[in-house]
């Protein structure tokens, strides 16, 4: 976990930006010793958002399965995916 004071954001923006790009980790910014902000590289943020979106879709599908909605077997899902790929 990377923690920086808010003054560092103002005084060392380029260094913090480079740190975020190189580590691909969020940087926690404190103000008066308390957590205030989280800064991260845009590519890392977008990747994180994609993962969260995928998780939400998996959870939704699992909830639908639990509720008894129609499901598809793995072989049928593979067949449908191959058909979609061939159409594109």
PDB file of N, CA and C in Angstrom:
ATOM      1  N   UNK A   1       0.851  -1.169   0.000  1.00  0.00           N
ATOM      2  CA  UNK A   1       0.000   0.000   0.000  1.00  0.00           C
ATOM      3  C   UNK A   1       0.897   1.232   0.000  1.00  0.00           C
ATOM      4  N   UNK A   2       0.618   2.144  -0.914  1.00  0.00           N
ATOM      5  CA  UNK A   2       1.403   3.373  -1.032  1.00  0.00           C
ATOM      6  C   UNK A   2       0.594   4.507  -0.422  1.00  0.00           C
ATOM      7  N   UNK A   3       1.190   5.219   0.514  1.00  0.00           N
ATOM      8  CA  UNK A   3       0.515   6.329   1.186  1.00  0.00           C
ATOM      9  C   UNK A   3       1.367   7.579   1.038  1.00  0.00           C
ATOM     10  N   UNK A   4       0.717   8.665   0.648  1.00  0.00           N
ATOM     11  CA  UNK A   4       1.401   9.953   0.494  1.00  0.00           C
ATOM     12  C   UNK A   4       0.555  11.040   1.153  1.00  0.00           C
ATOM     13  N   UNK A   5       1.207  12.078   1.629  1.00  0.00           N
ATOM     14  CA  UNK A   5       0.503  13.234   2.181  1.00  0.00           C
ATOM     15  C   UNK A   5      -0.066  14.078   1.052  1.00  0.00           C
ATOM     16  N   UNK A   6      -1.126  14.826   1.336  1.00  0.00           N
ATOM     17  CA  UNK A   6      -1.746  15.650   0.303  1.00  0.00           C
ATOM     18  C   UNK A   6      -0.776  16.676  -0.267  1.00  0.00           C
ATOM     19  N   UNK A   7       0.159  17.144   0.525  1.00  0.00           N
ATOM     20  CA  UNK A   7       1.161  18.102   0.031  1.00  0.00           C
ATOM     21  C   UNK A   7       1.991  17.477  -1.087  1.00  0.00           C
ATOM     22  N   UNK A   8       2.236  16.184  -1.017  1.00  0.00           N
ATOM     23  CA  UNK A   8       3.011  15.505  -2.056  1.00  0.00           C
ATOM     24  C   UNK A   8       2.266  15.544  -3.383  1.00  0.00           C
ATOM     25  N   UNK A   9       0.947  15.451  -3.337  1.00  0.00           N
ATOM     26  CA  UNK A   9       0.160  15.506  -4.574  1.00  0.00           C
ATOM     27  C   UNK A   9       0.346  16.859  -5.249  1.00  0.00           C
ATOM     28  N   UNK A  10       0.342  17.901  -4.449  1.00  0.00           N
ATOM     29  CA  UNK A  10       0.511  19.247  -4.982  1.00  0.00           C
ATOM     30  C   UNK A  10       1.951  19.495  -5.430  1.00  0.00           C
ATOM     31  N   UNK A  11       2.905  19.064  -4.620  1.00  0.00           N
ATOM     32  CA  UNK A  11       4.314  19.391  -4.868  1.00  0.00           C
ATOM     33  C   UNK A  11       5.049  18.388  -5.748  1.00  0.00           C
ATOM     34  N   UNK A  12       4.562  17.169  -5.817  1.00  0.00           N
ATOM     35  CA  UNK A  12       5.262  16.100  -6.536  1.00  0.00           C
ATOM     36  C   UNK A  12       4.334  15.361  -7.500  1.00  0.00           C
ATOM     37  N   UNK A  13       3.479  16.113  -8.191  1.00  0.00           N
ATOM     38  CA  UNK A  13       2.479  15.484  -9.049  1.00  0.00           C
ATOM     39  C   UNK A  13       3.114  14.521 -10.054  1.00  0.00           C
ATOM     40  N   UNK A  14       4.142  14.955 -10.751  1.00  0.00           N
ATOM     41  CA  UNK A  14       4.768  14.112 -11.776  1.00  0.00           C
ATOM     42  C   UNK A  14       5.325  12.825 -11.178  1.00  0.00           C
ATOM     43  N   UNK A  15       5.947  12.938 -10.012  1.00  0.00           N
ATOM     44  CA  UNK A  15       6.510  11.747  -9.369  1.00  0.00           C
ATOM     45  C   UNK A  15       5.397  10.786  -8.949  1.00  0.00           C
ATOM     46  N   UNK A  16       4.291  11.318  -8.441  1.00  0.00           N
ATOM     47  CA  UNK A  16       3.170  10.469  -8.037  1.00  0.00           C
ATOM     48  C   UNK A  16       2.522   9.837  -9.262  1.00  0.00           C
ATOM     49  N   UNK A  17       2.394  10.600 -10.331  1.00  0.00           N
ATOM     50  CA  UNK A  17       1.849  10.060 -11.573  1.00  0.00           C
ATOM     51  C   UNK A  17       2.725   8.921 -12.088  1.00  0.00           C
ATOM     52  N   UNK A  18       4.024   9.113 -12.090  1.00  0.00           N
ATOM     53  CA  UNK A  18       4.946   8.050 -12.529  1.00  0.00           C
ATOM     54  C   UNK A  18       4.852   6.831 -11.615  1.00  0.00           C
ATOM     55  N   UNK A  19       4.749   7.058 -10.317  1.00  0.00           N
ATOM     56  CA  UNK A  19       4.624   5.963  -9.361  1.00  0.00           C
ATOM     57  C   UNK A  19       3.357   5.145  -9.632  1.00  0.00           C
ATOM     58  N   UNK A  20       2.255   5.840  -9.897  1.00  0.00           N
ATOM     59  CA  UNK A  20       0.991   5.154 -10.194  1.00  0.00           C
ATOM     60  C   UNK A  20       1.106   4.331 -11.478  1.00  0.00           C
ATOM     61  N   UNK A  21       1.761   4.889 -12.488  1.00  0.00           N
ATOM     62  CA  UNK A  21       1.925   4.165 -13.755  1.00  0.00           C
ATOM     63  C   UNK A  21       2.832   2.951 -13.589  1.00  0.00           C
ATOM     64  N   UNK A  22       3.910   3.115 -12.848  1.00  0.00           N
ATOM     65  CA  UNK A  22       4.889   2.037 -12.703  1.00  0.00           C
ATOM     66  C   UNK A  22       4.404   0.908 -11.805  1.00  0.00           C
ATOM     67  N   UNK A  23       3.717   1.258 -10.724  1.00  0.00           N
ATOM     68  CA  UNK A  23       3.279   0.231  -9.777  1.00  0.00           C
ATOM     69  C   UNK A  23       1.919  -0.355 -10.136  1.00  0.00           C
ATOM     70  N   UNK A  24       1.123   0.387 -10.901  1.00  0.00           N
ATOM     71  CA  UNK A  24      -0.248  -0.016 -11.250  1.00  0.00           C
ATOM     72  C   UNK A  24      -1.087  -0.279  -9.997  1.00  0.00           C
ATOM     73  N   UNK A  25      -0.725   0.406  -8.918  1.00  0.00           N
ATOM     74  CA  UNK A  25      -1.409   0.276  -7.629  1.00  0.00           C
ATOM     75  C   UNK A  25      -2.031   1.615  -7.248  1.00  0.00           C
ATOM     76  N   UNK A  26      -3.106   1.581  -6.481  1.00  0.00           N
ATOM     77  CA  UNK A  26      -3.665   2.846  -5.986  1.00  0.00           C
ATOM     78  C   UNK A  26      -2.716   3.509  -4.998  1.00  0.00           C
ATOM     79  N   UNK A  27      -2.734   4.820  -4.984  1.00  0.00           N
ATOM     80  CA  UNK A  27      -1.928   5.590  -4.035  1.00  0.00           C
ATOM     81  C   UNK A  27      -2.899   6.318  -3.113  1.00  0.00           C
ATOM     82  N   UNK A  28      -2.766   6.070  -1.832  1.00  0.00           N
ATOM     83  CA  UNK A  28      -3.652   6.661  -0.843  1.00  0.00           C
ATOM     84  C   UNK A  28      -3.087   8.014  -0.432  1.00  0.00           C
ATOM     85  N   UNK A  29      -3.918   9.047  -0.497  1.00  0.00           N
ATOM     86  CA  UNK A  29      -3.509  10.399  -0.145  1.00  0.00           C
ATOM     87  C   UNK A  29      -4.152  10.756   1.197  1.00  0.00           C
ATOM     88  N   UNK A  30      -3.322  11.232   2.115  1.00  0.00           N
ATOM     89  CA  UNK A  30      -3.828  11.616   3.432  1.00  0.00           C
ATOM     90  C   UNK A  30      -3.864  13.134   3.565  1.00  0.00           C
ATOM     91  N   UNK A  31      -4.771  13.591   4.408  1.00  0.00           N
ATOM     92  CA  UNK A  31      -4.870  15.012   4.723  1.00  0.00           C
ATOM     93  C   UNK A  31      -4.941  15.115   6.241  1.00  0.00           C
ATOM     94  N   UNK A  32      -3.991  15.803   6.814  1.00  0.00           N
ATOM     95  CA  UNK A  32      -3.896  15.917   8.273  1.00  0.00           C
ATOM     96  C   UNK A  32      -3.831  14.549   8.937  1.00  0.00           C
ATOM     97  N   UNK A  33      -3.128  13.617   8.289  1.00  0.00           N
ATOM     98  CA  UNK A  33      -2.929  12.289   8.862  1.00  0.00           C
ATOM     99  C   UNK A  33      -4.088  11.327   8.683  1.00  0.00           C
ATOM    100  N   UNK A  34      -5.162  11.755   8.036  1.00  0.00           N
ATOM    101  CA  UNK A  34      -6.342  10.920   7.820  1.00  0.00           C
ATOM    102  C   UNK A  34      -6.485  10.619   6.332  1.00  0.00           C
ATOM    103  N   UNK A  35      -7.016   9.449   6.002  1.00  0.00           N
ATOM    104  CA  UNK A  35      -7.258   9.101   4.610  1.00  0.00           C
ATOM    105  C   UNK A  35      -8.200  10.093   3.960  1.00  0.00           C
ATOM    106  N   UNK A  36      -7.887  10.503   2.731  1.00  0.00           N
ATOM    107  CA  UNK A  36      -8.693  11.516   2.051  1.00  0.00           C
ATOM    108  C   UNK A  36      -9.051  11.115   0.622  1.00  0.00           C
ATOM    109  N   UNK A  37      -8.070  10.664  -0.161  1.00  0.00           N
ATOM    110  CA  UNK A  37      -8.274  10.346  -1.573  1.00  0.00           C
ATOM    111  C   UNK A  37      -7.521   9.081  -1.952  1.00  0.00           C
ATOM    112  N   UNK A  38      -7.909   8.521  -3.084  1.00  0.00           N
ATOM    113  CA  UNK A  38      -7.144   7.443  -3.700  1.00  0.00           C
ATOM    114  C   UNK A  38      -6.898   7.860  -5.142  1.00  0.00           C
ATOM    115  N   UNK A  39      -5.641   7.775  -5.568  1.00  0.00           N
ATOM    116  CA  UNK A  39      -5.250   8.145  -6.925  1.00  0.00           C
ATOM    117  C   UNK A  39      -4.689   6.909  -7.597  1.00  0.00           C
ATOM    118  N   UNK A  40      -5.092   6.700  -8.861  1.00  0.00           N
ATOM    119  CA  UNK A  40      -4.521   5.561  -9.588  1.00  0.00           C
ATOM    120  C   UNK A  40      -4.427   5.875 -11.072  1.00  0.00           C
ATOM    121  N   UNK A  41      -3.565   5.150 -11.739  1.00  0.00           N
ATOM    122  CA  UNK A  41      -3.351   5.266 -13.174  1.00  0.00           C
ATOM    123  C   UNK A  41      -4.645   4.906 -13.905  1.00  0.00           C
ATOM    124  N   UNK A  42      -4.939   5.602 -14.983  1.00  0.00           N
ATOM    125  CA  UNK A  42      -6.189   5.398 -15.716  1.00  0.00           C
ATOM    126  C   UNK A  42      -6.299   3.975 -16.272  1.00  0.00           C
ATOM    127  N   UNK A  43      -5.197   3.404 -16.745  1.00  0.00           N
ATOM    128  CA  UNK A  43      -5.250   2.035 -17.270  1.00  0.00           C
ATOM    129  C   UNK A  43      -5.592   1.032 -16.163  1.00  0.00           C
ATOM    130  N   UNK A  44      -4.992   1.214 -14.996  1.00  0.00           N
ATOM    131  CA  UNK A  44      -5.293   0.335 -13.858  1.00  0.00           C
ATOM    132  C   UNK A  44      -6.740   0.505 -13.423  1.00  0.00           C
ATOM    133  N   UNK A  45      -7.233   1.741 -13.446  1.00  0.00           N
ATOM    134  CA  UNK A  45      -8.622   2.003 -13.073  1.00  0.00           C
ATOM    135  C   UNK A  45      -9.584   1.323 -14.039  1.00  0.00           C
ATOM    136  N   UNK A  46      -9.337   1.462 -15.341  1.00  0.00           N
ATOM    137  CA  UNK A  46     -10.215   0.848 -16.338  1.00  0.00           C
ATOM    138  C   UNK A  46     -10.199  -0.672 -16.236  1.00  0.00           C
ATOM    139  N   UNK A  47      -9.046  -1.248 -15.986  1.00  0.00           N
ATOM    140  CA  UNK A  47      -8.936  -2.697 -15.806  1.00  0.00           C
ATOM    141  C   UNK A  47      -9.738  -3.136 -14.576  1.00  0.00           C
ATOM    142  N   UNK A  48      -9.626  -2.368 -13.508  1.00  0.00           N
ATOM    143  CA  UNK A  48     -10.375  -2.664 -12.277  1.00  0.00           C
ATOM    144  C   UNK A  48     -11.886  -2.582 -12.535  1.00  0.00           C
ATOM    145  N   UNK A  49     -12.312  -1.579 -13.288  1.00  0.00           N
ATOM    146  CA  UNK A  49     -13.728  -1.431 -13.615  1.00  0.00           C
ATOM    147  C   UNK A  49     -14.233  -2.615 -14.441  1.00  0.00           C
ATOM    148  N   UNK A  50     -13.434  -3.097 -15.391  1.00  0.00           N
ATOM    149  CA  UNK A  50     -13.818  -4.258 -16.193  1.00  0.00           C
ATOM    150  C   UNK A  50     -13.987  -5.495 -15.321  1.00  0.00           C
ATOM    151  N   UNK A  51     -13.088  -5.678 -14.374  1.00  0.00           N
ATOM    152  CA  UNK A  51     -13.176  -6.826 -13.466  1.00  0.00           C
ATOM    153  C   UNK A  51     -14.444  -6.734 -12.629  1.00  0.00           C
ATOM    154  N   UNK A  52     -14.745  -5.544 -12.116  1.00  0.00           N
ATOM    155  CA  UNK A  52     -15.952  -5.376 -11.309  1.00  0.00           C
ATOM    156  C   UNK A  52     -17.214  -5.612 -12.132  1.00  0.00           C
ATOM    157  N   UNK A  53     -17.205  -5.165 -13.378  1.00  0.00           N
ATOM    158  CA  UNK A  53     -18.353  -5.388 -14.263  1.00  0.00           C
ATOM    159  C   UNK A  53     -18.547  -6.879 -14.539  1.00  0.00           C
ATOM    160  N   UNK A  54     -17.452  -7.580 -14.774  1.00  0.00           N
ATOM    161  CA  UNK A  54     -17.528  -9.019 -15.011  1.00  0.00           C
ATOM    162  C   UNK A  54     -18.046  -9.743 -13.768  1.00  0.00           C
ATOM    163  N   UNK A  55     -17.563  -9.357 -12.604  1.00  0.00           N
ATOM    164  CA  UNK A  55     -18.041  -9.962 -11.353  1.00  0.00           C
ATOM    165  C   UNK A  55     -19.541  -9.752 -11.183  1.00  0.00           C
ATOM    166  N   UNK A  56     -20.005  -8.557 -11.499  1.00  0.00           N
ATOM    167  CA  UNK A  56     -21.436  -8.261 -11.370  1.00  0.00           C
ATOM    168  C   UNK A  56     -22.250  -9.160 -12.300  1.00  0.00           C
ATOM    169  N   UNK A  57     -21.755  -9.376 -13.515  1.00  0.00           N
ATOM    170  CA  UNK A  57     -22.461 -10.244 -14.468  1.00  0.00           C
ATOM    171  C   UNK A  57     -22.486 -11.691 -13.979  1.00  0.00           C
ATOM    172  N   UNK A  58     -21.375 -12.153 -13.428  1.00  0.00           N
ATOM    173  CA  UNK A  58     -21.315 -13.528 -12.900  1.00  0.00           C
ATOM    174  C   UNK A  58     -22.288 -13.680 -11.733  1.00  0.00           C
ATOM    175  N   UNK A  59     -22.317 -12.689 -10.829  1.00  0.00           N
ATOM    176  CA  UNK A  59     -23.241 -12.746  -9.699  1.00  0.00           C
ATOM    177  C   UNK A  59     -24.698 -12.731 -10.156  1.00  0.00           C
ATOM    178  N   UNK A  60     -24.987 -11.929 -11.179  1.00  0.00           N
ATOM    179  CA  UNK A  60     -26.344 -11.880 -11.711  1.00  0.00           C
ATOM    180  C   UNK A  60     -26.729 -13.233 -12.306  1.00  0.00           C
ATOM    181  N   UNK A  61     -25.829 -13.830 -13.073  1.00  0.00           N
ATOM    182  CA  UNK A  61     -26.101 -15.137 -13.673  1.00  0.00           C
ATOM    183  C   UNK A  61     -26.307 -16.193 -12.585  1.00  0.00           C
ATOM    184  N   UNK A  62     -25.497 -16.148 -11.547  1.00  0.00           N
ATOM    185  CA  UNK A  62     -25.642 -17.108 -10.449  1.00  0.00           C
ATOM    186  C   UNK A  62     -26.973 -16.921  -9.730  1.00  0.00           C
ATOM    187  N   UNK A  63     -27.365 -15.666  -9.533  1.00  0.00           N
ATOM    188  CA  UNK A  63     -28.655 -15.398  -8.893  1.00  0.00           C
ATOM    189  C   UNK A  63     -29.805 -15.923  -9.746  1.00  0.00           C
ATOM    190  N   UNK A  64     -29.716 -15.728 -11.045  1.00  0.00           N
ATOM    191  CA  UNK A  64     -30.748 -16.241 -11.946  1.00  0.00           C
ATOM    192  C   UNK A  64     -30.792 -17.766 -11.904  1.00  0.00           C
ATOM    193  N   UNK A  65     -29.635 -18.402 -11.818  1.00  0.00           N
ATOM    194  CA  UNK A  65     -29.594 -19.867 -11.729  1.00  0.00           C
ATOM    195  C   UNK A  65     -30.265 -20.345 -10.449  1.00  0.00           C
ATOM    196  N   UNK A  66     -29.962 -19.669  -9.346  1.00  0.00           N
ATOM    197  CA  UNK A  66     -30.555 -20.030  -8.054  1.00  0.00           C
ATOM    198  C   UNK A  66     -32.074 -19.874  -8.097  1.00  0.00           C
ATOM    199  N   UNK A  67     -32.543 -18.859  -8.812  1.00  0.00           N
ATOM    200  CA  UNK A  67     -33.977 -18.603  -8.916  1.00  0.00           C
ATOM    201  C   UNK A  67     -34.675 -19.563  -9.874  1.00  0.00           C
ATOM    202  N   UNK A  68     -33.911 -20.452 -10.494  1.00  0.00           N
ATOM    203  CA  UNK A  68     -34.504 -21.466 -11.351  1.00  0.00           C
ATOM    204  C   UNK A  68     -34.697 -21.072 -12.806  1.00  0.00           C
ATOM    205  N   UNK A  69     -34.080 -19.987 -13.213  1.00  0.00           N
ATOM    206  CA  UNK A  69     -34.183 -19.589 -14.618  1.00  0.00           C
ATOM    207  C   UNK A  69     -33.403 -20.566 -15.484  1.00  0.00           C
ATOM    208  N   UNK A  70     -33.752 -20.600 -16.765  1.00  0.00           N
ATOM    209  CA  UNK A  70     -33.140 -21.543 -17.703  1.00  0.00           C
ATOM    210  C   UNK A  70     -31.626 -21.343 -17.761  1.00  0.00           C
ATOM    211  N   UNK A  71     -30.906 -22.460 -17.748  1.00  0.00           N
ATOM    212  CA  UNK A  71     -29.454 -22.410 -17.861  1.00  0.00           C
ATOM    213  C   UNK A  71     -29.016 -23.152 -19.115  1.00  0.00           C
ATOM    214  N   UNK A  72     -27.748 -23.029 -19.438  1.00  0.00           N
ATOM    215  CA  UNK A  72     -27.186 -23.674 -20.622  1.00  0.00           C
ATOM    216  C   UNK A  72     -26.009 -24.526 -20.170  1.00  0.00           C
ATOM    217  N   UNK A  73     -25.897 -25.714 -20.717  1.00  0.00           N
ATOM    218  CA  UNK A  73     -24.770 -26.589 -20.374  1.00  0.00           C
ATOM    219  C   UNK A  73     -23.475 -26.009 -20.956  1.00  0.00           C
ATOM    220  N   UNK A  74     -22.367 -26.457 -20.424  1.00  0.00           N
ATOM    221  CA  UNK A  74     -21.067 -25.976 -20.917  1.00  0.00           C
ATOM    222  C   UNK A  74     -20.883 -26.316 -22.396  1.00  0.00           C
ATOM    223  N   UNK A  75     -21.179 -27.556 -22.842  1.00  0.00           N
ATOM    224  CA  UNK A  75     -21.029 -27.837 -24.279  1.00  0.00           C
ATOM    225  C   UNK A  75     -21.918 -26.938 -25.148  1.00  0.00           C
ATOM    226  N   UNK A  76     -23.133 -26.675 -24.690  1.00  0.00           N
ATOM    227  CA  UNK A  76     -24.036 -25.805 -25.458  1.00  0.00           C
ATOM    228  C   UNK A  76     -23.499 -24.371 -25.484  1.00  0.00           C
ATOM    229  N   UNK A  77     -22.969 -23.898 -24.362  1.00  0.00           N
ATOM    230  CA  UNK A  77     -22.398 -22.550 -24.317  1.00  0.00           C
ATOM    231  C   UNK A  77     -21.207 -22.439 -25.267  1.00  0.00           C
ATOM    232  N   UNK A  78     -20.346 -23.459 -25.285  1.00  0.00           N
ATOM    233  CA  UNK A  78     -19.201 -23.456 -26.209  1.00  0.00           C
ATOM    234  C   UNK A  78     -19.676 -23.409 -27.655  1.00  0.00           C
ATOM    235  N   UNK A  79     -20.697 -24.213 -27.965  1.00  0.00           N
ATOM    236  CA  UNK A  79     -21.241 -24.257 -29.324  1.00  0.00           C
ATOM    237  C   UNK A  79     -21.757 -22.879 -29.730  1.00  0.00           C
ATOM    238  N   UNK A  80     -22.503 -22.231 -28.835  1.00  0.00           N
ATOM    239  CA  UNK A  80     -23.050 -20.900 -29.133  1.00  0.00           C
ATOM    240  C   UNK A  80     -21.937 -19.873 -29.320  1.00  0.00           C
ATOM    241  N   UNK A  81     -20.907 -19.951 -28.481  1.00  0.00           N
ATOM    242  CA  UNK A  81     -19.791 -19.016 -28.620  1.00  0.00           C
ATOM    243  C   UNK A  81     -19.067 -19.198 -29.945  1.00  0.00           C
ATOM    244  N   UNK A  82     -18.841 -20.460 -30.338  1.00  0.00           N
ATOM    245  CA  UNK A  82     -18.180 -20.715 -31.619  1.00  0.00           C
ATOM    246  C   UNK A  82     -19.027 -20.189 -32.767  1.00  0.00           C
ATOM    247  N   UNK A  83     -20.333 -20.350 -32.679  1.00  0.00           N
ATOM    248  CA  UNK A  83     -21.230 -19.835 -33.724  1.00  0.00           C
ATOM    249  C   UNK A  83     -21.146 -18.311 -33.787  1.00  0.00           C
ATOM    250  N   UNK A  84     -21.097 -17.655 -32.647  1.00  0.00           N
ATOM    251  CA  UNK A  84     -21.005 -16.190 -32.621  1.00  0.00           C
ATOM    252  C   UNK A  84     -19.679 -15.725 -33.201  1.00  0.00           C
ATOM    253  N   UNK A  85     -18.610 -16.421 -32.889  1.00  0.00           N
ATOM    254  CA  UNK A  85     -17.293 -16.052 -33.409  1.00  0.00           C
ATOM    255  C   UNK A  85     -17.263 -16.184 -34.927  1.00  0.00           C
ATOM    256  N   UNK A  86     -17.847 -17.243 -35.438  1.00  0.00           N
ATOM    257  CA  UNK A  86     -17.860 -17.468 -36.881  1.00  0.00           C
ATOM    258  C   UNK A  86     -18.712 -16.452 -37.621  1.00  0.00           C
ATOM    259  N   UNK A  87     -19.735 -15.921 -36.962  1.00  0.00           N
ATOM    260  CA  UNK A  87     -20.586 -14.922 -37.580  1.00  0.00           C
ATOM    261  C   UNK A  87     -19.858 -13.593 -37.673  1.00  0.00           C
ATOM    262  N   UNK A  88     -19.060 -13.282 -36.674  1.00  0.00           N
ATOM    263  CA  UNK A  88     -18.318 -12.017 -36.668  1.00  0.00           C
ATOM    264  C   UNK A  88     -17.198 -12.125 -37.634  1.00  0.00           C
TER     265      UNK A  88
END
